[in-house]
């Protein structure tokens, strides 16, 4: 395996704790050890509570989790109408 020439070290209390290598070298390393599956997943899309329909953090969290209002109600043991009301109340609303 080729040793990267462009390595930076990050030290903590005088001891090296991280080695920073160019991304292409990192990908090559992963290819060589046949470990491409360890690449971190792409970040999930984000929703802003300020732009969500109810402006509710609860509703935003639910949508980010990919959970419908009906599914959330089932998991909580309440009626779907109650979830709708909680989100409409702006539970966790961000203001300012």
C-alpha atoms as a PDB file:
ATOM      1  CA  UNK A   1       0.000   0.000   0.000  1.00  0.00           C
ATOM      2  CA  UNK A   2       1.203   3.485  -0.870  1.00  0.00           C
ATOM      3  CA  UNK A   3       1.992   5.606   2.179  1.00  0.00           C
ATOM      4  CA  UNK A   4       0.391   9.059   1.844  1.00  0.00           C
ATOM      5  CA  UNK A   5       2.889  11.890   1.630  1.00  0.00           C
ATOM      6  CA  UNK A   6       0.458  14.665   2.559  1.00  0.00           C
ATOM      7  CA  UNK A   7      -0.387  13.648   6.139  1.00  0.00           C
ATOM      8  CA  UNK A   8      -1.242  16.068   8.922  1.00  0.00           C
ATOM      9  CA  UNK A   9      -1.180  15.057  12.570  1.00  0.00           C
ATOM     10  CA  UNK A  10      -3.420  16.437  15.294  1.00  0.00           C
ATOM     11  CA  UNK A  11      -1.918  16.346  18.759  1.00  0.00           C
ATOM     12  CA  UNK A  12      -3.540  16.378  22.190  1.00  0.00           C
ATOM     13  CA  UNK A  13      -1.315  16.856  25.214  1.00  0.00           C
ATOM     14  CA  UNK A  14       1.731  16.326  23.034  1.00  0.00           C
ATOM     15  CA  UNK A  15       0.528  12.949  21.771  1.00  0.00           C
ATOM     16  CA  UNK A  16      -0.764  12.300  18.244  1.00  0.00           C
ATOM     17  CA  UNK A  17      -4.469  11.506  18.357  1.00  0.00           C
ATOM     18  CA  UNK A  18      -5.499  11.925  14.685  1.00  0.00           C
ATOM     19  CA  UNK A  19      -3.869  11.609  11.297  1.00  0.00           C
ATOM     20  CA  UNK A  20      -5.498  13.606   8.516  1.00  0.00           C
ATOM     21  CA  UNK A  21      -4.923  12.295   4.997  1.00  0.00           C
ATOM     22  CA  UNK A  22      -6.195  13.482   1.618  1.00  0.00           C
ATOM     23  CA  UNK A  23      -9.643  12.134   0.827  1.00  0.00           C
ATOM     24  CA  UNK A  24      -8.476  10.363  -2.347  1.00  0.00           C
ATOM     25  CA  UNK A  25      -5.837   8.514  -0.300  1.00  0.00           C
ATOM     26  CA  UNK A  26      -8.521   7.540   2.191  1.00  0.00           C
ATOM     27  CA  UNK A  27     -10.719   6.143  -0.591  1.00  0.00           C
ATOM     28  CA  UNK A  28      -7.767   4.232  -2.008  1.00  0.00           C
ATOM     29  CA  UNK A  29      -7.053   2.778   1.428  1.00  0.00           C
ATOM     30  CA  UNK A  30     -10.663   1.636   1.747  1.00  0.00           C
ATOM     31  CA  UNK A  31     -10.547   0.103  -1.709  1.00  0.00           C
ATOM     32  CA  UNK A  32      -7.380  -1.775  -0.847  1.00  0.00           C
ATOM     33  CA  UNK A  33      -8.834  -3.261   2.315  1.00  0.00           C
ATOM     34  CA  UNK A  34     -12.146  -3.944   0.572  1.00  0.00           C
ATOM     35  CA  UNK A  35     -14.019  -1.894   3.150  1.00  0.00           C
ATOM     36  CA  UNK A  36     -15.975   0.578   1.062  1.00  0.00           C
ATOM     37  CA  UNK A  37     -19.053  -0.179   3.153  1.00  0.00           C
ATOM     38  CA  UNK A  38     -17.565   1.743   6.093  1.00  0.00           C
ATOM     39  CA  UNK A  39     -17.982   5.089   4.352  1.00  0.00           C
ATOM     40  CA  UNK A  40     -20.266   7.268   6.449  1.00  0.00           C
ATOM     41  CA  UNK A  41     -23.825   7.603   5.158  1.00  0.00           C
ATOM     42  CA  UNK A  42     -24.840  10.836   3.508  1.00  0.00           C
ATOM     43  CA  UNK A  43     -26.547  13.213   5.908  1.00  0.00           C
ATOM     44  CA  UNK A  44     -30.325  13.010   5.995  1.00  0.00           C
ATOM     45  CA  UNK A  45     -32.180  15.941   4.485  1.00  0.00           C
ATOM     46  CA  UNK A  46     -33.087  18.517   7.068  1.00  0.00           C
ATOM     47  CA  UNK A  47     -36.384  20.237   7.660  1.00  0.00           C
ATOM     48  CA  UNK A  48     -36.663  23.531   9.439  1.00  0.00           C
ATOM     49  CA  UNK A  49     -39.319  23.843  12.130  1.00  0.00           C
ATOM     50  CA  UNK A  50     -39.765  27.421  10.962  1.00  0.00           C
ATOM     51  CA  UNK A  51     -40.791  26.282   7.483  1.00  0.00           C
ATOM     52  CA  UNK A  52     -42.725  23.139   8.369  1.00  0.00           C
ATOM     53  CA  UNK A  53     -46.505  23.472   7.985  1.00  0.00           C
ATOM     54  CA  UNK A  54     -47.251  23.579  11.710  1.00  0.00           C
ATOM     55  CA  UNK A  55     -43.919  25.089  12.708  1.00  0.00           C
ATOM     56  CA  UNK A  56     -43.739  22.281  15.244  1.00  0.00           C
ATOM     57  CA  UNK A  57     -40.541  20.575  16.347  1.00  0.00           C
ATOM     58  CA  UNK A  58     -42.650  17.489  17.026  1.00  0.00           C
ATOM     59  CA  UNK A  59     -43.913  17.393  13.435  1.00  0.00           C
ATOM     60  CA  UNK A  60     -40.459  18.125  12.064  1.00  0.00           C
ATOM     61  CA  UNK A  61     -38.933  15.317  14.129  1.00  0.00           C
ATOM     62  CA  UNK A  62     -41.675  12.932  13.000  1.00  0.00           C
ATOM     63  CA  UNK A  63     -41.104  13.733   9.325  1.00  0.00           C
ATOM     64  CA  UNK A  64     -37.315  13.416   9.677  1.00  0.00           C
ATOM     65  CA  UNK A  65     -37.872   9.939  11.132  1.00  0.00           C
ATOM     66  CA  UNK A  66     -40.114   9.068   8.181  1.00  0.00           C
ATOM     67  CA  UNK A  67     -43.055   8.383  10.478  1.00  0.00           C
ATOM     68  CA  UNK A  68     -46.621   9.211   9.464  1.00  0.00           C
ATOM     69  CA  UNK A  69     -49.023  10.792  11.913  1.00  0.00           C
ATOM     70  CA  UNK A  70     -50.976   7.525  11.965  1.00  0.00           C
ATOM     71  CA  UNK A  71     -47.839   5.512  12.778  1.00  0.00           C
ATOM     72  CA  UNK A  72     -46.821   7.945  15.501  1.00  0.00           C
ATOM     73  CA  UNK A  73     -50.283   7.710  17.034  1.00  0.00           C
ATOM     74  CA  UNK A  74     -50.120   3.899  16.941  1.00  0.00           C
ATOM     75  CA  UNK A  75     -46.696   3.900  18.646  1.00  0.00           C
ATOM     76  CA  UNK A  76     -47.884   6.324  21.324  1.00  0.00           C
ATOM     77  CA  UNK A  77     -51.199   4.538  21.853  1.00  0.00           C
ATOM     78  CA  UNK A  78     -53.264   7.632  21.068  1.00  0.00           C
ATOM     79  CA  UNK A  79     -55.643   8.664  18.289  1.00  0.00           C
ATOM     80  CA  UNK A  80     -54.209  10.126  15.094  1.00  0.00           C
ATOM     81  CA  UNK A  81     -56.379  13.193  15.683  1.00  0.00           C
ATOM     82  CA  UNK A  82     -54.450  13.797  18.913  1.00  0.00           C
ATOM     83  CA  UNK A  83     -51.147  13.804  17.019  1.00  0.00           C
ATOM     84  CA  UNK A  84     -52.618  16.258  14.522  1.00  0.00           C
ATOM     85  CA  UNK A  85     -53.762  18.504  17.402  1.00  0.00           C
ATOM     86  CA  UNK A  86     -50.367  18.329  19.149  1.00  0.00           C
ATOM     87  CA  UNK A  87     -48.576  19.340  15.969  1.00  0.00           C
ATOM     88  CA  UNK A  88     -51.131  22.098  15.241  1.00  0.00           C
ATOM     89  CA  UNK A  89     -50.586  23.480  18.738  1.00  0.00           C
ATOM     90  CA  UNK A  90     -46.982  24.079  17.728  1.00  0.00           C
ATOM     91  CA  UNK A  91     -45.523  21.808  20.405  1.00  0.00           C
ATOM     92  CA  UNK A  92     -41.902  22.841  20.560  1.00  0.00           C
ATOM     93  CA  UNK A  93     -42.477  25.813  18.261  1.00  0.00           C
ATOM     94  CA  UNK A  94     -39.366  27.870  17.633  1.00  0.00           C
ATOM     95  CA  UNK A  95     -39.999  31.591  17.864  1.00  0.00           C
ATOM     96  CA  UNK A  96     -37.850  34.586  17.741  1.00  0.00           C
END
